[in-house]
């Protein structure tokens, strides 16, 4: 059974993104999962994390994906609709919604266990992609996770990119390498192809090296990535901030100093912050500043997306007074 479910609005969104959002179970306190007697239930997925970050900053977003015709699929759709997204979700009665379980072994380290083989989300295919929404959007955002899920998901990703290129829609690509899904060797050629078709590329320094080989410094990495075609290359450096090469100009932006609670989702928040400012027509340095601020916010709570800031909250990281009245 396939059924279309969940729509937040009927108008064209500024951004379209696609991928798998899974149910997420996590312990409230650190310790071995085998001795944890209760788990909290939520959702998580790189592309929907970016979508939520964008929406909270005022950008309209369509998320495209698949979920099982089960209670976990209901949870995914309900949460994304509640965040104000336009949700285009095919519900599959023959496959389950994917699940990930987060184990916090210590306060500083976490392990994520994935149960997504044969999931509804991994069955994403070209026929599930709304070409009309992509053609009317200003930007399509994809990640390197979706093409690693299955052959059909890889074809869906390429179809979405082709739709964007045909209609003049900008393409943003976050490499987002997942070693649990494929090897670096398998990812390399796919990454290079998608980088060559993208206008904006995001990558950690280790991820960029998968596509273009290791380099002595991040400036060289960014230059090699840019040589493949994108005009904007942003290298995410975590606690060291980021480096960027935009239209041939180099930029650096330090991170916002914080006490991190959970770094999962920080990279997605960073991407959302940058893209929101890009679409607002802000200069590069402002895009990078908002990106590191949104990334910092994501680290302040335990969760993949819950800490994403609203635009009115961005100045709070600069506030001298701890209480706003």
C-alpha atoms as a PDB file:
ATOM      1  CA  UNK A   1       0.000   0.000   0.000  1.00  0.00           C
ATOM      2  CA  UNK A   2       1.199   3.462  -0.873  1.00  0.00           C
ATOM      3  CA  UNK A   3      -0.565   6.578   0.318  1.00  0.00           C
ATOM      4  CA  UNK A   4       0.390  10.215   0.126  1.00  0.00           C
ATOM      5  CA  UNK A   5       0.208  11.947   3.489  1.00  0.00           C
ATOM      6  CA  UNK A   6       0.666  15.294   5.105  1.00  0.00           C
ATOM      7  CA  UNK A   7       0.805  18.715   3.512  1.00  0.00           C
ATOM      8  CA  UNK A   8       1.704  21.901   5.352  1.00  0.00           C
ATOM      9  CA  UNK A   9       0.780  24.404   2.597  1.00  0.00           C
ATOM     10  CA  UNK A  10      -0.094  24.503  -1.088  1.00  0.00           C
ATOM     11  CA  UNK A  11       2.175  27.311  -2.293  1.00  0.00           C
ATOM     12  CA  UNK A  12       5.694  26.974  -3.684  1.00  0.00           C
ATOM     13  CA  UNK A  13       8.439  26.595  -1.086  1.00  0.00           C
ATOM     14  CA  UNK A  14      11.746  28.397  -1.311  1.00  0.00           C
ATOM     15  CA  UNK A  15      13.625  25.179  -0.556  1.00  0.00           C
ATOM     16  CA  UNK A  16      12.946  21.514  -1.348  1.00  0.00           C
ATOM     17  CA  UNK A  17      14.863  18.724   0.350  1.00  0.00           C
ATOM     18  CA  UNK A  18      14.529  14.943   0.313  1.00  0.00           C
ATOM     19  CA  UNK A  19      15.709  12.014   2.383  1.00  0.00           C
ATOM     20  CA  UNK A  20      14.866   9.596   5.154  1.00  0.00           C
ATOM     21  CA  UNK A  21      13.645  10.754   8.540  1.00  0.00           C
ATOM     22  CA  UNK A  22      13.615   8.010  11.138  1.00  0.00           C
ATOM     23  CA  UNK A  23      12.180   7.496  14.572  1.00  0.00           C
ATOM     24  CA  UNK A  24      14.814   8.128  17.245  1.00  0.00           C
ATOM     25  CA  UNK A  25      15.043   6.460  20.639  1.00  0.00           C
ATOM     26  CA  UNK A  26      17.538   7.745  23.188  1.00  0.00           C
ATOM     27  CA  UNK A  27      18.407   7.444  26.842  1.00  0.00           C
ATOM     28  CA  UNK A  28      18.069  10.491  29.084  1.00  0.00           C
ATOM     29  CA  UNK A  29      21.256   9.687  31.012  1.00  0.00           C
ATOM     30  CA  UNK A  30      24.673   8.261  30.046  1.00  0.00           C
ATOM     31  CA  UNK A  31      25.419   4.574  30.432  1.00  0.00           C
ATOM     32  CA  UNK A  32      25.383   1.256  28.584  1.00  0.00           C
ATOM     33  CA  UNK A  33      22.205   0.748  26.596  1.00  0.00           C
ATOM     34  CA  UNK A  34      21.888  -2.775  27.983  1.00  0.00           C
ATOM     35  CA  UNK A  35      21.244  -1.325  31.436  1.00  0.00           C
ATOM     36  CA  UNK A  36      18.916   1.502  30.366  1.00  0.00           C
ATOM     37  CA  UNK A  37      15.358   0.927  31.534  1.00  0.00           C
ATOM     38  CA  UNK A  38      13.632   3.637  29.476  1.00  0.00           C
ATOM     39  CA  UNK A  39      14.159   5.500  26.216  1.00  0.00           C
ATOM     40  CA  UNK A  40      12.690   8.764  24.954  1.00  0.00           C
ATOM     41  CA  UNK A  41      11.040   8.754  21.535  1.00  0.00           C
ATOM     42  CA  UNK A  42      11.541  11.367  18.824  1.00  0.00           C
ATOM     43  CA  UNK A  43      12.625  11.733  15.206  1.00  0.00           C
ATOM     44  CA  UNK A  44      15.785  12.611  13.321  1.00  0.00           C
ATOM     45  CA  UNK A  45      17.187  12.854   9.823  1.00  0.00           C
ATOM     46  CA  UNK A  46      19.827  15.079   8.257  1.00  0.00           C
ATOM     47  CA  UNK A  47      17.599  16.604   5.596  1.00  0.00           C
ATOM     48  CA  UNK A  48      14.641  17.237   7.896  1.00  0.00           C
ATOM     49  CA  UNK A  49      17.055  18.713  10.454  1.00  0.00           C
ATOM     50  CA  UNK A  50      18.162  21.231   7.821  1.00  0.00           C
ATOM     51  CA  UNK A  51      14.533  21.837   6.851  1.00  0.00           C
ATOM     52  CA  UNK A  52      13.565  22.619  10.447  1.00  0.00           C
ATOM     53  CA  UNK A  53      16.569  24.925  10.875  1.00  0.00           C
ATOM     54  CA  UNK A  54      15.560  26.799   7.723  1.00  0.00           C
ATOM     55  CA  UNK A  55      11.892  27.015   8.693  1.00  0.00           C
ATOM     56  CA  UNK A  56      12.671  28.400  12.143  1.00  0.00           C
ATOM     57  CA  UNK A  57      14.754  31.107  10.456  1.00  0.00           C
ATOM     58  CA  UNK A  58      11.808  32.080   8.265  1.00  0.00           C
ATOM     59  CA  UNK A  59      12.407  30.076   5.072  1.00  0.00           C
ATOM     60  CA  UNK A  60       9.576  28.026   3.570  1.00  0.00           C
ATOM     61  CA  UNK A  61      10.574  24.382   3.004  1.00  0.00           C
ATOM     62  CA  UNK A  62       9.153  21.239   1.422  1.00  0.00           C
ATOM     63  CA  UNK A  63      10.448  17.920   2.784  1.00  0.00           C
ATOM     64  CA  UNK A  64      10.037  14.847   0.564  1.00  0.00           C
ATOM     65  CA  UNK A  65      10.359  11.304   1.874  1.00  0.00           C
ATOM     66  CA  UNK A  66       8.754   7.979   2.680  1.00  0.00           C
ATOM     67  CA  UNK A  67       7.619   6.387   5.936  1.00  0.00           C
ATOM     68  CA  UNK A  68       5.902   3.203   6.967  1.00  0.00           C
ATOM     69  CA  UNK A  69       2.147   3.079   7.464  1.00  0.00           C
ATOM     70  CA  UNK A  70       2.855   2.610  11.154  1.00  0.00           C
ATOM     71  CA  UNK A  71       2.822   4.619  14.358  1.00  0.00           C
ATOM     72  CA  UNK A  72       6.455   5.683  13.922  1.00  0.00           C
ATOM     73  CA  UNK A  73       5.571   7.014  10.487  1.00  0.00           C
ATOM     74  CA  UNK A  74       2.696   8.922  12.069  1.00  0.00           C
ATOM     75  CA  UNK A  75       5.204  10.438  14.481  1.00  0.00           C
ATOM     76  CA  UNK A  76       7.537  11.546  11.676  1.00  0.00           C
ATOM     77  CA  UNK A  77       4.763  13.212   9.692  1.00  0.00           C
ATOM     78  CA  UNK A  78       3.184  14.853  12.732  1.00  0.00           C
ATOM     79  CA  UNK A  79       6.452  16.356  13.998  1.00  0.00           C
ATOM     80  CA  UNK A  80       7.470  17.736  10.612  1.00  0.00           C
ATOM     81  CA  UNK A  81       4.036  19.246  10.033  1.00  0.00           C
ATOM     82  CA  UNK A  82       4.168  20.765  13.518  1.00  0.00           C
ATOM     83  CA  UNK A  83       7.411  22.520  12.519  1.00  0.00           C
ATOM     84  CA  UNK A  84       5.611  24.217   9.643  1.00  0.00           C
ATOM     85  CA  UNK A  85       7.080  22.176   6.790  1.00  0.00           C
ATOM     86  CA  UNK A  86       5.274  21.269   3.598  1.00  0.00           C
ATOM     87  CA  UNK A  87       5.439  17.476   3.936  1.00  0.00           C
ATOM     88  CA  UNK A  88       5.277  15.215   0.888  1.00  0.00           C
ATOM     89  CA  UNK A  89       5.469  11.747   2.402  1.00  0.00           C
ATOM     90  CA  UNK A  90       4.551   8.470   0.739  1.00  0.00           C
ATOM     91  CA  UNK A  91       3.296   5.977   3.338  1.00  0.00           C
ATOM     92  CA  UNK A  92       4.272   2.372   2.637  1.00  0.00           C
ATOM     93  CA  UNK A  93       2.279  -0.434   4.249  1.00  0.00           C
ATOM     94  CA  UNK A  94       4.810  -3.094   3.273  1.00  0.00           C
ATOM     95  CA  UNK A  95       7.926  -1.588   4.892  1.00  0.00           C
ATOM     96  CA  UNK A  96       8.587  -0.119   8.349  1.00  0.00           C
ATOM     97  CA  UNK A  97       9.674   3.379   9.283  1.00  0.00           C
ATOM     98  CA  UNK A  98      13.423   3.380   9.951  1.00  0.00           C
ATOM     99  CA  UNK A  99      14.664   3.519  13.529  1.00  0.00           C
ATOM    100  CA  UNK A 100      17.835   4.777  15.163  1.00  0.00           C
ATOM    101  CA  UNK A 101      18.811   4.329  18.793  1.00  0.00           C
ATOM    102  CA  UNK A 102      21.272   6.675  20.445  1.00  0.00           C
ATOM    103  CA  UNK A 103      23.464   5.287  23.226  1.00  0.00           C
ATOM    104  CA  UNK A 104      25.220   7.877  25.409  1.00  0.00           C
ATOM    105  CA  UNK A 105      28.094   5.844  26.825  1.00  0.00           C
ATOM    106  CA  UNK A 106      29.602   8.912  28.541  1.00  0.00           C
ATOM    107  CA  UNK A 107      28.678  12.592  28.800  1.00  0.00           C
ATOM    108  CA  UNK A 108      30.995  13.324  25.881  1.00  0.00           C
ATOM    109  CA  UNK A 109      30.507  10.352  23.570  1.00  0.00           C
ATOM    110  CA  UNK A 110      27.540   8.768  21.815  1.00  0.00           C
ATOM    111  CA  UNK A 111      26.940   5.822  19.519  1.00  0.00           C
ATOM    112  CA  UNK A 112      24.027   5.650  17.104  1.00  0.00           C
ATOM    113  CA  UNK A 113      22.608   2.278  16.104  1.00  0.00           C
ATOM    114  CA  UNK A 114      20.652   2.238  12.832  1.00  0.00           C
ATOM    115  CA  UNK A 115      17.778  -0.099  11.965  1.00  0.00           C
ATOM    116  CA  UNK A 116      16.992   1.094   8.454  1.00  0.00           C
ATOM    117  CA  UNK A 117      17.707  -1.845   6.142  1.00  0.00           C
ATOM    118  CA  UNK A 118      14.578  -2.415   4.045  1.00  0.00           C
ATOM    119  CA  UNK A 119      12.889   0.637   5.543  1.00  0.00           C
ATOM    120  CA  UNK A 120      10.195   2.616   3.764  1.00  0.00           C
ATOM    121  CA  UNK A 121      12.538   5.592   3.553  1.00  0.00           C
ATOM    122  CA  UNK A 122      15.216   3.606   1.744  1.00  0.00           C
ATOM    123  CA  UNK A 123      12.648   2.849  -0.964  1.00  0.00           C
ATOM    124  CA  UNK A 124      12.577   6.465  -2.154  1.00  0.00           C
ATOM    125  CA  UNK A 125      12.472   6.450  -5.968  1.00  0.00           C
ATOM    126  CA  UNK A 126      12.189   8.994  -8.806  1.00  0.00           C
ATOM    127  CA  UNK A 127       8.398   8.630  -8.949  1.00  0.00           C
ATOM    128  CA  UNK A 128       8.180   9.997  -5.406  1.00  0.00           C
ATOM    129  CA  UNK A 129       9.929  13.263  -6.311  1.00  0.00           C
ATOM    130  CA  UNK A 130       7.602  16.244  -7.018  1.00  0.00           C
ATOM    131  CA  UNK A 131       9.332  17.800 -10.016  1.00  0.00           C
ATOM    132  CA  UNK A 132       6.909  20.736 -10.033  1.00  0.00           C
ATOM    133  CA  UNK A 133       7.849  21.744  -6.480  1.00  0.00           C
ATOM    134  CA  UNK A 134      11.549  21.627  -7.349  1.00  0.00           C
ATOM    135  CA  UNK A 135      11.046  23.690 -10.498  1.00  0.00           C
ATOM    136  CA  UNK A 136       9.236  26.402  -8.495  1.00  0.00           C
ATOM    137  CA  UNK A 137      11.732  26.424  -5.613  1.00  0.00           C
ATOM    138  CA  UNK A 138      14.751  28.670  -5.317  1.00  0.00           C
ATOM    139  CA  UNK A 139      17.000  25.904  -3.971  1.00  0.00           C
ATOM    140  CA  UNK A 140      17.182  22.100  -3.763  1.00  0.00           C
ATOM    141  CA  UNK A 141      19.153  20.661  -0.838  1.00  0.00           C
ATOM    142  CA  UNK A 142      20.479  17.100  -0.939  1.00  0.00           C
ATOM    143  CA  UNK A 143      22.946  15.083   1.129  1.00  0.00           C
ATOM    144  CA  UNK A 144      25.286  12.185   0.539  1.00  0.00           C
ATOM    145  CA  UNK A 145      23.151  10.013   2.823  1.00  0.00           C
ATOM    146  CA  UNK A 146      20.215   9.510   0.462  1.00  0.00           C
ATOM    147  CA  UNK A 147      22.139   8.055  -2.509  1.00  0.00           C
ATOM    148  CA  UNK A 148      23.794   5.597  -0.096  1.00  0.00           C
ATOM    149  CA  UNK A 149      20.474   4.123   1.051  1.00  0.00           C
ATOM    150  CA  UNK A 150      19.611   2.142  -2.077  1.00  0.00           C
ATOM    151  CA  UNK A 151      19.846   2.137  -5.859  1.00  0.00           C
ATOM    152  CA  UNK A 152      16.362   3.660  -6.134  1.00  0.00           C
ATOM    153  CA  UNK A 153      17.216   6.385  -3.607  1.00  0.00           C
ATOM    154  CA  UNK A 154      20.374   7.202  -5.584  1.00  0.00           C
ATOM    155  CA  UNK A 155      18.265   7.509  -8.740  1.00  0.00           C
ATOM    156  CA  UNK A 156      15.752   9.695  -6.879  1.00  0.00           C
ATOM    157  CA  UNK A 157      18.555  12.012  -5.784  1.00  0.00           C
ATOM    158  CA  UNK A 158      19.883  12.330  -9.322  1.00  0.00           C
ATOM    159  CA  UNK A 159      16.387  12.882 -10.703  1.00  0.00           C
ATOM    160  CA  UNK A 160      15.827  15.704  -8.215  1.00  0.00           C
ATOM    161  CA  UNK A 161      19.145  17.310  -9.226  1.00  0.00           C
ATOM    162  CA  UNK A 162      18.245  16.976 -12.915  1.00  0.00           C
ATOM    163  CA  UNK A 163      14.895  18.678 -12.244  1.00  0.00           C
ATOM    164  CA  UNK A 164      16.681  21.516 -10.469  1.00  0.00           C
ATOM    165  CA  UNK A 165      19.261  21.972 -13.220  1.00  0.00           C
ATOM    166  CA  UNK A 166      16.567  21.969 -15.908  1.00  0.00           C
ATOM    167  CA  UNK A 167      14.599  24.723 -14.138  1.00  0.00           C
ATOM    168  CA  UNK A 168      17.471  26.900 -12.931  1.00  0.00           C
ATOM    169  CA  UNK A 169      16.943  26.009  -9.262  1.00  0.00           C
ATOM    170  CA  UNK A 170      20.111  26.264  -7.168  1.00  0.00           C
ATOM    171  CA  UNK A 171      21.521  22.960  -5.854  1.00  0.00           C
ATOM    172  CA  UNK A 172      23.035  22.648  -2.382  1.00  0.00           C
ATOM    173  CA  UNK A 173      24.914  19.453  -1.482  1.00  0.00           C
ATOM    174  CA  UNK A 174      26.165  18.378   1.942  1.00  0.00           C
ATOM    175  CA  UNK A 175      28.456  15.358   1.590  1.00  0.00           C
ATOM    176  CA  UNK A 176      27.414  14.005   5.013  1.00  0.00           C
ATOM    177  CA  UNK A 177      29.365  10.735   4.746  1.00  0.00           C
ATOM    178  CA  UNK A 178      28.004   7.762   6.725  1.00  0.00           C
ATOM    179  CA  UNK A 179      30.445   4.871   7.064  1.00  0.00           C
ATOM    180  CA  UNK A 180      27.615   2.539   8.136  1.00  0.00           C
ATOM    181  CA  UNK A 181      26.024   2.899   4.695  1.00  0.00           C
ATOM    182  CA  UNK A 182      28.960   2.636   2.289  1.00  0.00           C
ATOM    183  CA  UNK A 183      32.732   2.699   1.997  1.00  0.00           C
ATOM    184  CA  UNK A 184      34.752   5.774   1.141  1.00  0.00           C
ATOM    185  CA  UNK A 185      35.637   4.160  -2.165  1.00  0.00           C
ATOM    186  CA  UNK A 186      31.950   3.658  -3.020  1.00  0.00           C
ATOM    187  CA  UNK A 187      31.100   7.198  -1.991  1.00  0.00           C
ATOM    188  CA  UNK A 188      33.942   8.940  -3.821  1.00  0.00           C
ATOM    189  CA  UNK A 189      32.630   8.813  -7.401  1.00  0.00           C
ATOM    190  CA  UNK A 190      29.071   9.684  -6.331  1.00  0.00           C
ATOM    191  CA  UNK A 191      30.334  12.611  -4.285  1.00  0.00           C
ATOM    192  CA  UNK A 192      32.392  13.925  -7.184  1.00  0.00           C
ATOM    193  CA  UNK A 193      29.459  13.714  -9.580  1.00  0.00           C
ATOM    194  CA  UNK A 194      27.052  15.488  -7.240  1.00  0.00           C
ATOM    195  CA  UNK A 195      29.651  18.126  -6.313  1.00  0.00           C
ATOM    196  CA  UNK A 196      30.110  18.887 -10.013  1.00  0.00           C
ATOM    197  CA  UNK A 197      26.356  19.516 -10.342  1.00  0.00           C
ATOM    198  CA  UNK A 198      25.991  21.623  -7.195  1.00  0.00           C
ATOM    199  CA  UNK A 199      26.172  25.379  -6.735  1.00  0.00           C
ATOM    200  CA  UNK A 200      26.819  25.228  -2.967  1.00  0.00           C
ATOM    201  CA  UNK A 201      28.794  22.425  -1.287  1.00  0.00           C
ATOM    202  CA  UNK A 202      29.220  21.705   2.421  1.00  0.00           C
ATOM    203  CA  UNK A 203      31.702  19.173   3.796  1.00  0.00           C
ATOM    204  CA  UNK A 204      33.804  18.394   6.801  1.00  0.00           C
ATOM    205  CA  UNK A 205      37.500  18.355   5.971  1.00  0.00           C
ATOM    206  CA  UNK A 206      37.546  14.542   6.180  1.00  0.00           C
ATOM    207  CA  UNK A 207      34.496  14.328   3.897  1.00  0.00           C
ATOM    208  CA  UNK A 208      35.993  16.671   1.314  1.00  0.00           C
ATOM    209  CA  UNK A 209      39.057  14.434   1.235  1.00  0.00           C
ATOM    210  CA  UNK A 210      36.836  11.494   0.180  1.00  0.00           C
ATOM    211  CA  UNK A 211      35.887  13.434  -2.949  1.00  0.00           C
ATOM    212  CA  UNK A 212      39.135  15.200  -3.833  1.00  0.00           C
ATOM    213  CA  UNK A 213      41.862  13.441  -1.844  1.00  0.00           C
ATOM    214  CA  UNK A 214      43.704  14.592   1.300  1.00  0.00           C
ATOM    215  CA  UNK A 215      45.313  18.022   1.291  1.00  0.00           C
ATOM    216  CA  UNK A 216      47.715  19.937   3.486  1.00  0.00           C
ATOM    217  CA  UNK A 217      45.172  22.522   4.608  1.00  0.00           C
ATOM    218  CA  UNK A 218      41.492  23.381   4.298  1.00  0.00           C
ATOM    219  CA  UNK A 219      42.142  26.120   1.736  1.00  0.00           C
ATOM    220  CA  UNK A 220      43.581  23.557  -0.646  1.00  0.00           C
ATOM    221  CA  UNK A 221      40.654  21.217   0.025  1.00  0.00           C
ATOM    222  CA  UNK A 222      38.163  23.988  -0.743  1.00  0.00           C
ATOM    223  CA  UNK A 223      40.053  24.915  -3.916  1.00  0.00           C
ATOM    224  CA  UNK A 224      40.000  21.305  -5.178  1.00  0.00           C
ATOM    225  CA  UNK A 225      36.272  21.002  -4.483  1.00  0.00           C
ATOM    226  CA  UNK A 226      35.597  24.301  -6.267  1.00  0.00           C
ATOM    227  CA  UNK A 227      37.523  23.072  -9.302  1.00  0.00           C
ATOM    228  CA  UNK A 228      34.789  20.461  -9.786  1.00  0.00           C
ATOM    229  CA  UNK A 229      32.212  23.197 -10.376  1.00  0.00           C
ATOM    230  CA  UNK A 230      30.493  24.749  -7.334  1.00  0.00           C
ATOM    231  CA  UNK A 231      30.900  28.490  -6.820  1.00  0.00           C
ATOM    232  CA  UNK A 232      30.437  28.194  -3.031  1.00  0.00           C
ATOM    233  CA  UNK A 233      32.419  25.676  -0.963  1.00  0.00           C
ATOM    234  CA  UNK A 234      32.091  25.673   2.806  1.00  0.00           C
ATOM    235  CA  UNK A 235      34.330  23.416   4.901  1.00  0.00           C
ATOM    236  CA  UNK A 236      32.853  22.700   8.338  1.00  0.00           C
ATOM    237  CA  UNK A 237      35.497  22.473  11.059  1.00  0.00           C
ATOM    238  CA  UNK A 238      33.402  21.886  14.192  1.00  0.00           C
ATOM    239  CA  UNK A 239      34.857  23.661  17.217  1.00  0.00           C
ATOM    240  CA  UNK A 240      37.260  25.484  14.875  1.00  0.00           C
ATOM    241  CA  UNK A 241      34.443  27.142  12.957  1.00  0.00           C
ATOM    242  CA  UNK A 242      34.591  26.982   9.183  1.00  0.00           C
ATOM    243  CA  UNK A 243      36.452  28.004   6.055  1.00  0.00           C
ATOM    244  CA  UNK A 244      34.856  28.994   2.774  1.00  0.00           C
ATOM    245  CA  UNK A 245      35.771  29.685  -0.818  1.00  0.00           C
ATOM    246  CA  UNK A 246      33.002  31.709  -2.479  1.00  0.00           C
ATOM    247  CA  UNK A 247      33.390  33.067  -6.000  1.00  0.00           C
ATOM    248  CA  UNK A 248      37.139  32.698  -5.636  1.00  0.00           C
ATOM    249  CA  UNK A 249      37.363  34.617  -2.330  1.00  0.00           C
ATOM    250  CA  UNK A 250      38.570  32.942   0.887  1.00  0.00           C
ATOM    251  CA  UNK A 251      36.778  33.378   4.214  1.00  0.00           C
ATOM    252  CA  UNK A 252      37.226  32.117   7.776  1.00  0.00           C
ATOM    253  CA  UNK A 253      34.761  32.173  10.646  1.00  0.00           C
ATOM    254  CA  UNK A 254      35.557  31.012  14.190  1.00  0.00           C
ATOM    255  CA  UNK A 255      33.021  28.967  16.124  1.00  0.00           C
ATOM    256  CA  UNK A 256      30.878  30.429  18.891  1.00  0.00           C
ATOM    257  CA  UNK A 257      32.334  29.236  22.239  1.00  0.00           C
ATOM    258  CA  UNK A 258      29.754  27.170  24.145  1.00  0.00           C
ATOM    259  CA  UNK A 259      29.507  24.214  26.509  1.00  0.00           C
ATOM    260  CA  UNK A 260      28.224  21.529  24.172  1.00  0.00           C
ATOM    261  CA  UNK A 261      25.606  19.090  25.441  1.00  0.00           C
ATOM    262  CA  UNK A 262      25.107  17.085  22.228  1.00  0.00           C
ATOM    263  CA  UNK A 263      26.825  17.831  18.913  1.00  0.00           C
ATOM    264  CA  UNK A 264      24.504  15.656  16.775  1.00  0.00           C
ATOM    265  CA  UNK A 265      22.654  17.898  14.337  1.00  0.00           C
ATOM    266  CA  UNK A 266      25.112  20.776  14.605  1.00  0.00           C
ATOM    267  CA  UNK A 267      26.303  20.348  11.022  1.00  0.00           C
ATOM    268  CA  UNK A 268      22.707  20.323   9.757  1.00  0.00           C
ATOM    269  CA  UNK A 269      21.929  23.471  11.758  1.00  0.00           C
ATOM    270  CA  UNK A 270      25.045  25.108  10.281  1.00  0.00           C
ATOM    271  CA  UNK A 271      23.840  24.328   6.755  1.00  0.00           C
ATOM    272  CA  UNK A 272      20.380  25.687   7.517  1.00  0.00           C
ATOM    273  CA  UNK A 273      21.839  28.924   8.856  1.00  0.00           C
ATOM    274  CA  UNK A 274      24.047  29.463   5.819  1.00  0.00           C
ATOM    275  CA  UNK A 275      21.313  28.701   3.293  1.00  0.00           C
ATOM    276  CA  UNK A 276      18.750  30.913   5.036  1.00  0.00           C
ATOM    277  CA  UNK A 277      21.100  33.897   4.765  1.00  0.00           C
ATOM    278  CA  UNK A 278      22.072  33.007   1.195  1.00  0.00           C
ATOM    279  CA  UNK A 279      18.406  33.145   0.193  1.00  0.00           C
ATOM    280  CA  UNK A 280      18.029  36.414   2.109  1.00  0.00           C
ATOM    281  CA  UNK A 281      20.782  37.943  -0.030  1.00  0.00           C
ATOM    282  CA  UNK A 282      23.178  38.450   2.887  1.00  0.00           C
ATOM    283  CA  UNK A 283      26.949  38.784   2.274  1.00  0.00           C
ATOM    284  CA  UNK A 284      29.176  35.763   2.780  1.00  0.00           C
ATOM    285  CA  UNK A 285      30.507  36.752   6.202  1.00  0.00           C
ATOM    286  CA  UNK A 286      26.961  37.139   7.540  1.00  0.00           C
ATOM    287  CA  UNK A 287      26.020  33.728   6.114  1.00  0.00           C
ATOM    288  CA  UNK A 288      28.962  32.149   7.925  1.00  0.00           C
ATOM    289  CA  UNK A 289      28.246  33.957  11.190  1.00  0.00           C
ATOM    290  CA  UNK A 290      24.618  32.821  11.218  1.00  0.00           C
ATOM    291  CA  UNK A 291      25.777  29.320  10.301  1.00  0.00           C
ATOM    292  CA  UNK A 292      28.093  28.998  13.308  1.00  0.00           C
ATOM    293  CA  UNK A 293      25.419  30.498  15.568  1.00  0.00           C
ATOM    294  CA  UNK A 294      22.773  28.004  14.478  1.00  0.00           C
ATOM    295  CA  UNK A 295      25.324  25.201  14.793  1.00  0.00           C
ATOM    296  CA  UNK A 296      26.132  26.329  18.328  1.00  0.00           C
ATOM    297  CA  UNK A 297      22.458  26.390  19.296  1.00  0.00           C
ATOM    298  CA  UNK A 298      22.003  22.805  18.122  1.00  0.00           C
ATOM    299  CA  UNK A 299      24.755  21.726  20.534  1.00  0.00           C
ATOM    300  CA  UNK A 300      23.065  23.277  23.572  1.00  0.00           C
ATOM    301  CA  UNK A 301      20.362  20.613  23.937  1.00  0.00           C
ATOM    302  CA  UNK A 302      20.182  16.843  23.712  1.00  0.00           C
ATOM    303  CA  UNK A 303      18.520  16.177  20.381  1.00  0.00           C
ATOM    304  CA  UNK A 304      19.067  16.310  16.647  1.00  0.00           C
ATOM    305  CA  UNK A 305      16.915  19.379  15.888  1.00  0.00           C
ATOM    306  CA  UNK A 306      15.125  20.537  19.012  1.00  0.00           C
ATOM    307  CA  UNK A 307      17.685  23.265  19.751  1.00  0.00           C
ATOM    308  CA  UNK A 308      17.494  24.922  16.318  1.00  0.00           C
ATOM    309  CA  UNK A 309      17.033  28.671  16.941  1.00  0.00           C
ATOM    310  CA  UNK A 310      14.402  31.046  15.676  1.00  0.00           C
ATOM    311  CA  UNK A 311      15.723  34.220  14.076  1.00  0.00           C
ATOM    312  CA  UNK A 312      14.718  36.306  17.083  1.00  0.00           C
ATOM    313  CA  UNK A 313      16.937  34.107  19.259  1.00  0.00           C
ATOM    314  CA  UNK A 314      20.160  34.515  17.278  1.00  0.00           C
ATOM    315  CA  UNK A 315      21.357  37.595  19.254  1.00  0.00           C
ATOM    316  CA  UNK A 316      21.060  35.713  22.553  1.00  0.00           C
ATOM    317  CA  UNK A 317      24.491  34.117  22.092  1.00  0.00           C
ATOM    318  CA  UNK A 318      25.937  37.644  22.110  1.00  0.00           C
ATOM    319  CA  UNK A 319      23.947  38.811  25.135  1.00  0.00           C
ATOM    320  CA  UNK A 320      25.863  40.088  28.168  1.00  0.00           C
ATOM    321  CA  UNK A 321      22.874  39.626  30.486  1.00  0.00           C
ATOM    322  CA  UNK A 322      21.815  36.015  31.209  1.00  0.00           C
ATOM    323  CA  UNK A 323      18.136  36.925  31.750  1.00  0.00           C
ATOM    324  CA  UNK A 324      15.937  38.711  29.186  1.00  0.00           C
ATOM    325  CA  UNK A 325      13.109  40.790  30.683  1.00  0.00           C
END
